[in-house]
Every structure is written in structure tokens, then in C-alpha cells.
PDB file of N, CA and C in Angstrom:
ATOM      1  N   MET A   1       0.782  -1.195  -0.049  1.00  0.00           N
ATOM      2  CA  MET A   1      -0.054   0.013  -0.075  1.00  0.00           C
ATOM      3  C   MET A   1       0.879   1.300  -0.070  1.00  0.00           C
ATOM      4  N   GLN A   2       0.586   2.220  -0.719  1.00  0.00           N
ATOM      5  CA  GLN A   2       1.303   3.365  -0.881  1.00  0.00           C
ATOM      6  C   GLN A   2       0.308   4.639  -0.505  1.00  0.00           C
ATOM      7  N   VAL A   3       0.785   5.406   0.316  1.00  0.00           N
ATOM      8  CA  VAL A   3      -0.368   6.634   0.861  1.00  0.00           C
ATOM      9  C   VAL A   3       0.574   7.915   0.562  1.00  0.00           C
ATOM     10  N   LEU A   4       0.184   8.845   0.008  1.00  0.00           N
ATOM     11  CA  LEU A   4       0.856   9.898  -0.218  1.00  0.00           C
ATOM     12  C   LEU A   4       0.071  11.131   0.730  1.00  0.00           C
ATOM     13  N   VAL A   5       1.152  11.792   1.264  1.00  0.00           N
ATOM     14  CA  VAL A   5       0.744  12.672   2.220  1.00  0.00           C
ATOM     15  C   VAL A   5       1.690  13.793   2.304  1.00  0.00           C
ATOM     16  N   ASP A   6       1.236  15.201   2.632  1.00  0.00           N
ATOM     17  CA  ASP A   6       2.460  16.204   2.441  1.00  0.00           C
ATOM     18  C   ASP A   6       3.231  16.274   3.509  1.00  0.00           C
ATOM     19  N   GLU A   7       4.337  17.024   3.330  1.00  0.00           N
ATOM     20  CA  GLU A   7       5.232  16.983   4.125  1.00  0.00           C
ATOM     21  C   GLU A   7       4.970  17.328   5.482  1.00  0.00           C
ATOM     22  N   GLY A   8       4.132  18.367   5.802  1.00  0.00           N
ATOM     23  CA  GLY A   8       3.704  18.540   7.248  1.00  0.00           C
ATOM     24  C   GLY A   8       2.962  17.341   7.732  1.00  0.00           C
ATOM     25  N   GLU A   9       2.107  16.713   6.890  1.00  0.00           N
ATOM     26  CA  GLU A   9       1.589  15.705   7.699  1.00  0.00           C
ATOM     27  C   GLU A   9       2.417  14.406   8.052  1.00  0.00           C
ATOM     28  N   PHE A  10       3.284  14.335   7.179  1.00  0.00           N
ATOM     29  CA  PHE A  10       4.450  13.234   7.201  1.00  0.00           C
ATOM     30  C   PHE A  10       5.093  13.663   8.620  1.00  0.00           C
ATOM     31  N   ARG A  11       5.594  14.791   8.903  1.00  0.00           N
ATOM     32  CA  ARG A  11       6.433  15.274  10.030  1.00  0.00           C
ATOM     33  C   ARG A  11       5.509  15.040  11.372  1.00  0.00           C
ATOM     34  N   ARG A  12       4.271  15.379  11.393  1.00  0.00           N
ATOM     35  CA  ARG A  12       3.527  15.468  12.260  1.00  0.00           C
ATOM     36  C   ARG A  12       3.144  13.796  12.701  1.00  0.00           C
ATOM     37  N   MET A  13       2.990  12.854  11.627  1.00  0.00           N
ATOM     38  CA  MET A  13       2.713  11.436  11.804  1.00  0.00           C
ATOM     39  C   MET A  13       4.236  10.798  12.452  1.00  0.00           C
ATOM     40  N   GLN A  14       5.205  11.354  11.922  1.00  0.00           N
ATOM     41  CA  GLN A  14       6.591  10.748  12.602  1.00  0.00           C
ATOM     42  C   GLN A  14       6.639  11.373  14.005  1.00  0.00           C
ATOM     43  N   SER A  15       6.179  12.400  14.324  1.00  0.00           N
ATOM     44  CA  SER A  15       6.311  13.081  15.644  1.00  0.00           C
ATOM     45  C   SER A  15       5.418  12.171  16.736  1.00  0.00           C
ATOM     46  N   ALA A  16       4.214  11.800  16.067  1.00  0.00           N
ATOM     47  CA  ALA A  16       2.994  10.897  16.989  1.00  0.00           C
ATOM     48  C   ALA A  16       3.736   9.539  17.044  1.00  0.00           C
ATOM     49  N   ALA A  17       4.298   9.120  16.205  1.00  0.00           N
ATOM     50  CA  ALA A  17       4.817   7.576  16.286  1.00  0.00           C
ATOM     51  C   ALA A  17       5.918   7.618  17.257  1.00  0.00           C
ATOM     52  N   ARG A  18       6.801   8.663  17.187  1.00  0.00           N
ATOM     53  CA  ARG A  18       7.897   8.790  18.105  1.00  0.00           C
ATOM     54  C   ARG A  18       7.539   9.057  19.367  1.00  0.00           C
ATOM     55  N   ALA A  19       6.461   9.642  19.640  1.00  0.00           N
ATOM     56  CA  ALA A  19       5.866  10.061  20.899  1.00  0.00           C
ATOM     57  C   ALA A  19       5.403   8.766  21.607  1.00  0.00           C
ATOM     58  N   ARG A  20       4.964   7.718  20.931  1.00  0.00           N
ATOM     59  CA  ARG A  20       4.498   6.581  21.488  1.00  0.00           C
ATOM     60  C   ARG A  20       5.606   5.473  21.361  1.00  0.00           C
ATOM     61  N   GLY A  21       6.777   5.769  20.970  1.00  0.00           N
ATOM     62  CA  GLY A  21       7.843   4.716  20.990  1.00  0.00           C
ATOM     63  C   GLY A  21       7.727   3.776  19.786  1.00  0.00           C
ATOM     64  N   LEU A  22       6.948   4.215  18.607  1.00  0.00           N
ATOM     65  CA  LEU A  22       6.733   3.209  17.386  1.00  0.00           C
ATOM     66  C   LEU A  22       7.422   3.842  16.125  1.00  0.00           C
ATOM     67  N   THR A  23       7.398   2.798  15.541  1.00  0.00           N
ATOM     68  CA  THR A  23       7.972   3.258  14.267  1.00  0.00           C
ATOM     69  C   THR A  23       6.746   3.916  13.345  1.00  0.00           C
ATOM     70  N   LEU A  24       7.090   4.574  12.256  1.00  0.00           N
ATOM     71  CA  LEU A  24       5.949   5.450  11.509  1.00  0.00           C
ATOM     72  C   LEU A  24       5.039   4.089  11.191  1.00  0.00           C
ATOM     73  N   ALA A  25       5.625   3.030  10.565  1.00  0.00           N
ATOM     74  CA  ALA A  25       4.916   2.066  10.009  1.00  0.00           C
ATOM     75  C   ALA A  25       3.850   1.186  11.133  1.00  0.00           C
ATOM     76  N   GLU A  26       4.564   1.000  12.214  1.00  0.00           N
ATOM     77  CA  GLU A  26       3.655   0.573  13.300  1.00  0.00           C
ATOM     78  C   GLU A  26       2.519   1.512  13.759  1.00  0.00           C
ATOM     79  N   TRP A  27       2.983   2.748  13.880  1.00  0.00           N
ATOM     80  CA  TRP A  27       1.957   3.920  14.109  1.00  0.00           C
ATOM     81  C   TRP A  27       0.679   3.979  13.067  1.00  0.00           C
ATOM     82  N   VAL A  28       1.158   4.013  11.682  1.00  0.00           N
ATOM     83  CA  VAL A  28       0.192   3.861  10.662  1.00  0.00           C
ATOM     84  C   VAL A  28      -0.650   2.572  10.950  1.00  0.00           C
ATOM     85  N   ARG A  29      -0.108   1.567  10.889  1.00  0.00           N
ATOM     86  CA  ARG A  29      -1.130   0.263  11.160  1.00  0.00           C
ATOM     87  C   ARG A  29      -2.010   0.387  12.517  1.00  0.00           C
ATOM     88  N   SER A  30      -1.596   0.914  13.588  1.00  0.00           N
ATOM     89  CA  SER A  30      -2.318   1.130  14.689  1.00  0.00           C
ATOM     90  C   SER A  30      -3.562   1.910  14.391  1.00  0.00           C
ATOM     91  N   GLN A  31      -3.103   3.105  13.744  1.00  0.00           N
ATOM     92  CA  GLN A  31      -4.354   4.229  13.392  1.00  0.00           C
ATOM     93  C   GLN A  31      -5.383   3.523  12.412  1.00  0.00           C
ATOM     94  N   LEU A  32      -4.771   2.718  11.549  1.00  0.00           N
ATOM     95  CA  LEU A  32      -5.819   2.029  10.483  1.00  0.00           C
ATOM     96  C   LEU A  32      -6.633   1.237  11.223  1.00  0.00           C
ATOM     97  N   ARG A  33      -6.075   0.226  12.125  1.00  0.00           N
ATOM     98  CA  ARG A  33      -6.899  -0.678  13.056  1.00  0.00           C
ATOM     99  C   ARG A  33      -7.942   0.218  13.840  1.00  0.00           C
ATOM    100  N   GLU A  34      -7.529   1.153  14.389  1.00  0.00           N
ATOM    101  CA  GLU A  34      -8.469   1.991  15.125  1.00  0.00           C
ATOM    102  C   GLU A  34      -9.581   2.526  14.502  1.00  0.00           C
ATOM    103  N   ALA A  35      -9.487   2.993  13.161  1.00  0.00           N
ATOM    104  CA  ALA A  35     -10.235   3.225  12.233  1.00  0.00           C
ATOM    105  C   ALA A  35     -11.021   2.346  11.845  1.00  0.00           C
ATOM    106  N   LEU A  36     -10.879   1.175  11.677  1.00  0.00           N
ATOM    107  CA  LEU A  36     -11.437   0.061  11.313  1.00  0.00           C
ATOM    108  C   LEU A  36     -12.452  -0.305  12.565  1.00  0.00           C
ATOM    109  N   ARG A  37     -11.968  -0.417  13.868  1.00  0.00           N
ATOM    110  CA  ARG A  37     -12.926  -0.755  14.633  1.00  0.00           C
ATOM    111  C   ARG A  37     -13.930   0.315  14.908  1.00  0.00           C
ATOM    112  N   ALA A  38     -13.605   1.710  14.753  1.00  0.00           N
ATOM    113  CA  ALA A  38     -14.591   2.730  15.112  1.00  0.00           C
ATOM    114  C   ALA A  38     -15.704   2.665  13.653  1.00  0.00           C
ATOM    115  N   THR A  39     -15.499   1.926  12.629  1.00  0.00           N
ATOM    116  CA  THR A  39     -16.194   2.086  11.606  1.00  0.00           C
ATOM    117  C   THR A  39     -17.562   1.155  11.925  1.00  0.00           C
ATOM    118  N   PRO A  40     -18.769   1.529  11.875  1.00  0.00           N
ATOM    119  CA  PRO A  40     -19.957   0.776  12.143  1.00  0.00           C
ATOM    120  C   PRO A  40     -19.910  -0.252  10.900  1.00  0.00           C
ATOM    121  N   THR A  41     -20.398  -1.506  11.364  1.00  0.00           N
ATOM    122  CA  THR A  41     -20.701  -2.477  10.265  1.00  0.00           C
ATOM    123  C   THR A  41     -22.194  -2.843  10.302  1.00  0.00           C
ATOM    124  N   GLY A  42     -22.380  -3.354   9.189  1.00  0.00           N
ATOM    125  CA  GLY A  42     -24.068  -3.721   9.146  1.00  0.00           C
ATOM    126  C   GLY A  42     -24.811  -2.601   8.743  1.00  0.00           C
ATOM    127  N   ASN A  43     -26.025  -2.778   8.339  1.00  0.00           N
ATOM    128  CA  ASN A  43     -26.915  -1.679   7.845  1.00  0.00           C
ATOM    129  C   ASN A  43     -27.512  -1.034   9.139  1.00  0.00           C
ATOM    130  N   ALA A  44     -27.359   0.242   9.179  1.00  0.00           N
ATOM    131  CA  ALA A  44     -28.058   0.829  10.263  1.00  0.00           C
ATOM    132  C   ALA A  44     -29.623   0.995  10.336  1.00  0.00           C
ATOM    133  N   GLN A  45     -30.025   1.144   9.040  1.00  0.00           N
ATOM    134  CA  GLN A  45     -31.403   1.241   9.107  1.00  0.00           C
ATOM    135  C   GLN A  45     -32.072  -0.280   9.446  1.00  0.00           C
ATOM    136  N   ARG A  46     -31.606  -1.230   8.965  1.00  0.00           N
ATOM    137  CA  ARG A  46     -31.990  -2.465   9.181  1.00  0.00           C
ATOM    138  C   ARG A  46     -32.109  -2.873  10.736  1.00  0.00           C
ATOM    139  N   LYS A  47     -30.862  -2.457  11.429  1.00  0.00           N
ATOM    140  CA  LYS A  47     -30.999  -2.384  12.725  1.00  0.00           C
ATOM    141  C   LYS A  47     -32.200  -1.757  13.450  1.00  0.00           C
ATOM    142  N   LEU A  48     -32.140  -0.480  13.096  1.00  0.00           N
ATOM    143  CA  LEU A  48     -33.324   0.351  13.703  1.00  0.00           C
ATOM    144  C   LEU A  48     -34.514  -0.254  13.366  1.00  0.00           C
ATOM    145  N   ASP A  49     -34.930  -0.836  12.087  1.00  0.00           N
ATOM    146  CA  ASP A  49     -36.347  -1.382  11.809  1.00  0.00           C
ATOM    147  C   ASP A  49     -36.461  -2.440  12.699  1.00  0.00           C
ATOM    148  N   ALA A  50     -35.448  -3.366  12.876  1.00  0.00           N
ATOM    149  CA  ALA A  50     -35.586  -4.585  13.853  1.00  0.00           C
ATOM    150  C   ALA A  50     -36.018  -4.172  15.245  1.00  0.00           C
ATOM    151  N   ILE A  51     -35.298  -2.985  15.713  1.00  0.00           N
ATOM    152  CA  ILE A  51     -35.733  -2.532  16.976  1.00  0.00           C
ATOM    153  C   ILE A  51     -37.008  -1.960  16.920  1.00  0.00           C
ATOM    154  N   ARG A  52     -37.547  -1.283  15.993  1.00  0.00           N
ATOM    155  CA  ARG A  52     -38.857  -0.749  16.071  1.00  0.00           C
ATOM    156  C   ARG A  52     -39.931  -1.605  16.047  1.00  0.00           C
ATOM    157  N   ASN A  53     -39.531  -2.695  15.148  1.00  0.00           N
ATOM    158  CA  ASN A  53     -40.429  -3.810  15.108  1.00  0.00           C
ATOM    159  C   ASN A  53     -40.638  -4.553  16.387  1.00  0.00           C
ATOM    160  N   ALA A  54     -39.603  -5.025  17.153  1.00  0.00           N
ATOM    161  CA  ALA A  54     -39.695  -5.465  18.377  1.00  0.00           C
ATOM    162  C   ALA A  54     -40.387  -4.730  19.245  1.00  0.00           C
ATOM    163  N   SER A  55     -40.227  -3.390  19.275  1.00  0.00           N
ATOM    164  CA  SER A  55     -40.764  -2.508  20.329  1.00  0.00           C
ATOM    165  C   SER A  55     -42.503  -2.660  20.314  1.00  0.00           C
ATOM    166  N   GLN A  56     -42.980  -3.065  18.879  1.00  0.00           N
ATOM    167  CA  GLN A  56     -44.303  -2.901  18.774  1.00  0.00           C
ATOM    168  C   GLN A  56     -44.925  -4.088  19.587  1.00  0.00           C
ATOM    169  N   HIS A  57     -44.293  -5.022  19.927  1.00  0.00           N
ATOM    170  CA  HIS A  57     -44.857  -6.206  20.495  1.00  0.00           C
ATOM    171  C   HIS A  57     -44.914  -5.992  22.068  1.00  0.00           C
ATOM    172  N   ALA A  58     -45.801  -6.844  22.645  1.00  0.00           N
ATOM    173  CA  ALA A  58     -46.105  -6.868  24.290  1.00  0.00           C
ATOM    174  C   ALA A  58     -45.456  -8.137  24.756  1.00  0.00           C
ATOM    175  N   TYR A  59     -44.308  -8.272  25.132  1.00  0.00           N
ATOM    176  CA  TYR A  59     -43.768  -9.565  25.428  1.00  0.00           C
ATOM    177  C   TYR A  59     -44.233  -9.745  27.104  1.00  0.00           C
ATOM    178  N   PRO A  60     -44.599 -10.852  27.344  1.00  0.00           N
ATOM    179  CA  PRO A  60     -44.662 -10.896  28.926  1.00  0.00           C
ATOM    180  C   PRO A  60     -43.488 -10.874  29.546  1.00  0.00           C
ATOM    181  N   PRO A  61     -43.402 -10.197  30.861  1.00  0.00           N
ATOM    182  CA  PRO A  61     -42.059 -10.058  31.391  1.00  0.00           C
ATOM    183  C   PRO A  61     -42.039 -11.448  32.147  1.00  0.00           C
ATOM    184  N   ALA A  62     -41.019 -11.892  32.412  1.00  0.00           N
ATOM    185  CA  ALA A  62     -40.574 -13.156  33.188  1.00  0.00           C
ATOM    186  C   ALA A  62     -40.188 -12.829  34.672  1.00  0.00           C
ATOM    187  N   ASP A  63     -40.653 -13.633  35.537  1.00  0.00           N
ATOM    188  CA  ASP A  63     -40.394 -13.747  36.682  1.00  0.00           C
ATOM    189  C   ASP A  63     -38.842 -13.406  37.029  1.00  0.00           C
ATOM    190  N   ILE A  64     -38.524 -12.579  37.860  1.00  0.00           N
ATOM    191  CA  ILE A  64     -37.040 -12.260  37.773  1.00  0.00           C
ATOM    192  C   ILE A  64     -36.347 -13.254  38.688  1.00  0.00           C
ATOM    193  N   ASP A  65     -36.895 -13.870  39.576  1.00  0.00           N
ATOM    194  CA  ASP A  65     -36.439 -15.049  40.541  1.00  0.00           C
ATOM    195  C   ASP A  65     -35.920 -16.252  39.479  1.00  0.00           C
ATOM    196  N   ARG A  66     -37.108 -16.601  38.747  1.00  0.00           N
ATOM    197  CA  ARG A  66     -36.896 -17.542  37.812  1.00  0.00           C
ATOM    198  C   ARG A  66     -35.660 -17.396  36.487  1.00  0.00           C
ATOM    199  N   MET A  67     -35.754 -16.002  36.320  1.00  0.00           N
ATOM    200  CA  MET A  67     -34.643 -15.748  35.360  1.00  0.00           C
ATOM    201  C   MET A  67     -33.193 -15.805  35.865  1.00  0.00           C
ATOM    202  N   LEU A  68     -33.151 -15.313  37.069  1.00  0.00           N
ATOM    203  CA  LEU A  68     -31.912 -15.414  37.581  1.00  0.00           C
ATOM    204  C   LEU A  68     -31.289 -16.951  38.002  1.00  0.00           C
ATOM    205  N   GLU A  69     -32.415 -17.730  38.355  1.00  0.00           N
ATOM    206  CA  GLU A  69     -32.220 -19.161  38.753  1.00  0.00           C
ATOM    207  C   GLU A  69     -31.543 -19.945  37.247  1.00  0.00           C
ATOM    208  N   GLU A  70     -32.243 -19.486  36.149  1.00  0.00           N
ATOM    209  CA  GLU A  70     -31.839 -20.027  35.003  1.00  0.00           C
ATOM    210  C   GLU A  70     -30.574 -19.705  34.481  1.00  0.00           C
ATOM    211  N   ILE A  71     -30.118 -18.431  34.767  1.00  0.00           N
ATOM    212  CA  ILE A  71     -28.922 -17.844  34.281  1.00  0.00           C
ATOM    213  C   ILE A  71     -27.842 -18.766  35.077  1.00  0.00           C
ATOM    214  N   GLU A  72     -28.127 -18.699  36.376  1.00  0.00           N
ATOM    215  CA  GLU A  72     -27.322 -19.451  37.302  1.00  0.00           C
ATOM    216  C   GLU A  72     -26.833 -20.938  36.945  1.00  0.00           C
ATOM    217  N   ARG A  73     -28.084 -21.517  36.672  1.00  0.00           N
ATOM    218  CA  ARG A  73     -28.048 -22.956  36.370  1.00  0.00           C
ATOM    219  C   ARG A  73     -27.149 -23.033  35.185  1.00  0.00           C
ATOM    220  N   GLY A  74     -27.043 -22.105  34.084  1.00  0.00           N
ATOM    221  CA  GLY A  74     -26.380 -22.233  32.897  1.00  0.00           C
ATOM    222  C   GLY A  74     -24.978 -21.835  33.210  1.00  0.00           C
ATOM    223  N   TYR A  75     -24.349 -21.490  34.257  1.00  0.00           N
ATOM    224  CA  TYR A  75     -23.170 -21.482  34.595  1.00  0.00           C
ATOM    225  C   TYR A  75     -22.640 -22.725  35.343  1.00  0.00           C
ATOM    226  N   GLY A  76     -23.500 -23.648  35.622  1.00  0.00           N
ATOM    227  CA  GLY A  76     -22.941 -24.833  36.264  1.00  0.00           C
ATOM    228  C   GLY A  76     -22.173 -25.987  35.485  1.00  0.00           C
ATOM    229  N   PRO A  77     -21.869 -27.049  35.978  1.00  0.00           N
ATOM    230  CA  PRO A  77     -21.143 -27.992  35.273  1.00  0.00           C
ATOM    231  C   PRO A  77     -22.106 -28.393  34.272  1.00  0.00           C
ATOM    232  N   ALA A  78     -21.646 -28.819  32.799  1.00  0.00           N
ATOM    233  CA  ALA A  78     -22.580 -29.686  32.203  1.00  0.00           C
ATOM    234  C   ALA A  78     -23.188 -30.904  32.513  1.00  0.00           C
ATOM    235  N   ARG A  79     -24.260 -31.142  32.100  1.00  0.00           N
ATOM    236  CA  ARG A  79     -25.214 -32.471  32.370  1.00  0.00           C
ATOM    237  C   ARG A  79     -25.068 -33.270  31.376  1.00  0.00           C
TER     238      ARG A  79
END
């Protein structure tokens, strides 16, 4: 991959890398990974539609003691 940046950006990137004790290549890779993590995946509209659809239903609430018991039972040894 080749990325062209102006001289000022290049110097600032070198300085940022040096400040973190990284080579410029390591710093660039870390910044690209961070940008990827911050980029939403999937279709936001589809997710919102699913939430809106689910909110239209009246689900019966479960008994909290029963829910906690089932959760705890799930943590136990396999049967």
C-alpha cells in the first residue's frame, strides 16, 4: 500500500509515532486498525427497523427470580 501525504502531515505522523515509541509503519497500522474498529458494520437502517418492530410487541415479563435461577443454572457444570 502506498499513501501520499504532504510533508507537514508526514512530520506530524513521525512525531506522533516517536511520542508513542513506535516506528511510523507501526503507528500507521495502529491508526488504521483503530479506524476500522470505529467504523460501523452492517446496515444501520435494518438494525433500527428490527428494534422498532420488536418494540411493537407486548412480551410478557418473566419472573426475575426464575430468570436469575436459569442464568445461574447455565453457569454450572455440563450435564
